[in-house]
Every structure is written in C-alpha cells, then in structure tokens.
Amino acid sequence: MKSLIETPVFAVMITFMVFYLATKLYTKYRFILFNPVLVSITSLIVILKTINLDYHTYFKGAKIISFFLGPSVVALGVPLYLQFEEIKKRGIPILISITIGSIVGILSAALTAKLLGASKTVVASIAPKSVTTPIAMGISEKIGGIPSLTAAIVIATGVLGAVIGPAFLKLTGIKNKIAIGLAIGSASHGIGTARAFEEGELEGASSSLAICLNGIATAIFTPIIFYIIYKLL
C-alpha cells in the first residue's frame, strides 16, 4: 500500500479527485468559503498528513500538473481575444488603472511588512504577491527573496482575493464589469480570474488582461520600489 501512495500516479489521481469533489461542492452550495482551490489545498494537507505522505514525495507526481500552469495562463488569451473590441475602447484607462494597481499591490505588502519589522528577505518575498506564481518567484529571486515562500504567499493572496474580492467590490458599489475584472485580476492573478469568469465573460477577459499587464508592471516596479524602501526611506 505504501509503495502505491508514493507513486506519481497516486499524486495526480488524488489531486484531480479532490479538486473535482471541491468543484462539485462549490457548484452545489455557492458558499464563498467553499472556493475549490481553498477546499482542495485544505483537503490535500489533511490527506497527506493522514496517510503520512511527505510533501516532496507527493510533489514528484503533482509537478506533472503544475507543468500545465504556464499553458493554462496562455489559454487565457482566448477569452481576451473574444472580448478584445470591448476592452480596446478603454485602452488608456485600463493601462493607468493596472499601473496604479500594481504599485499599490507592491507597496501595500512590502511597506507594511517592513514597518512591522519583517526582515529584508521576507519583504522581498512578499512584494510580488499579486502576480502569477512563476513571475512572482522570478521577481522574488532577483531581489533577494525566498521563491518557495513567495509561492505560498501568492497562492494565499489568490485564494483570499477569490473568496472575498467579488463581495468586497459589490459592497463598495463597483458595478462596471471591466473594472471588476481588472481589480480581481490585478489583486489575485489566476485564482481570482477563475472566480471572475463566474461573474461573466467580460469580467473574466478583463481579469485575464490584468494578469498579463500586472505581471509586466510588477516585474518593472518591484525592484524600483524595493530599492526606494530600503535606500531612500
């Protein structure tokens, strides 16, 4: 039995099964805390602990799934293409809003962490929290952060944005579909974008656009803001 659960096939099977059941649960109840990613992560931690399977052994199989993270981001170009004419009408406001969103996202994490006494390494790991994992890990590594810590923070940010983001935007009276998509994509990358598609095609396409542009903006602004925080403030 132990040899079976240590195989890559088991890791892939258990991951797909947990996510499938989590999706069914969310589809049935539509309760925000039943977000499929949140439920899947929690369930997998419990399962791995229960069967005494260490993370590194599990990830030997799960990394097959993570390989598709890159292609899945590229696939977001399809809805973006389908809604391109609608988005093109607001090109300049979109660029300005995502630039501001990127700067606010970096500052809200890095400056707060520094003021609370976090080490320089932790601040560097937190700063790129709002972009998709591969980009965030690359930025973190360049400015002296810990990529694995960054990955965990990015996932937590995405889950939090997907869970409370749409409700928060409704509470603040934001009804414009493109604004909703841009806000969710800029703040909570791919996980939030999956949630944005539940709001509508235009929201999802806008969120997809935000992931791409925010990734570029964050790669540019993070080293600059990090330098300012530690050299000029």
Foldseek 3Di string as FASTA:
>chain_A
DVVVCLDLVNLVVLLVVLLVVLVVVCVVPVALCSQSVNSSVVVVVVVCVVVVPDPVSSVVNVVVVVVCVVVVLVVLVVLLVVCVVVVVVCVVVLLVVLLVLLVCQQCVQLVVCVVVPHDLQVSLLRRRLQADLVLSLVSSVVSRYHSVSSNVSNQVQQSVCLRCVVVVCVVVPDDDLLVSLLNQLSRRNPSSLVSLVVVHSNSNSSSSVSNVSSSVSNSVCNVVVSCCSPPPD
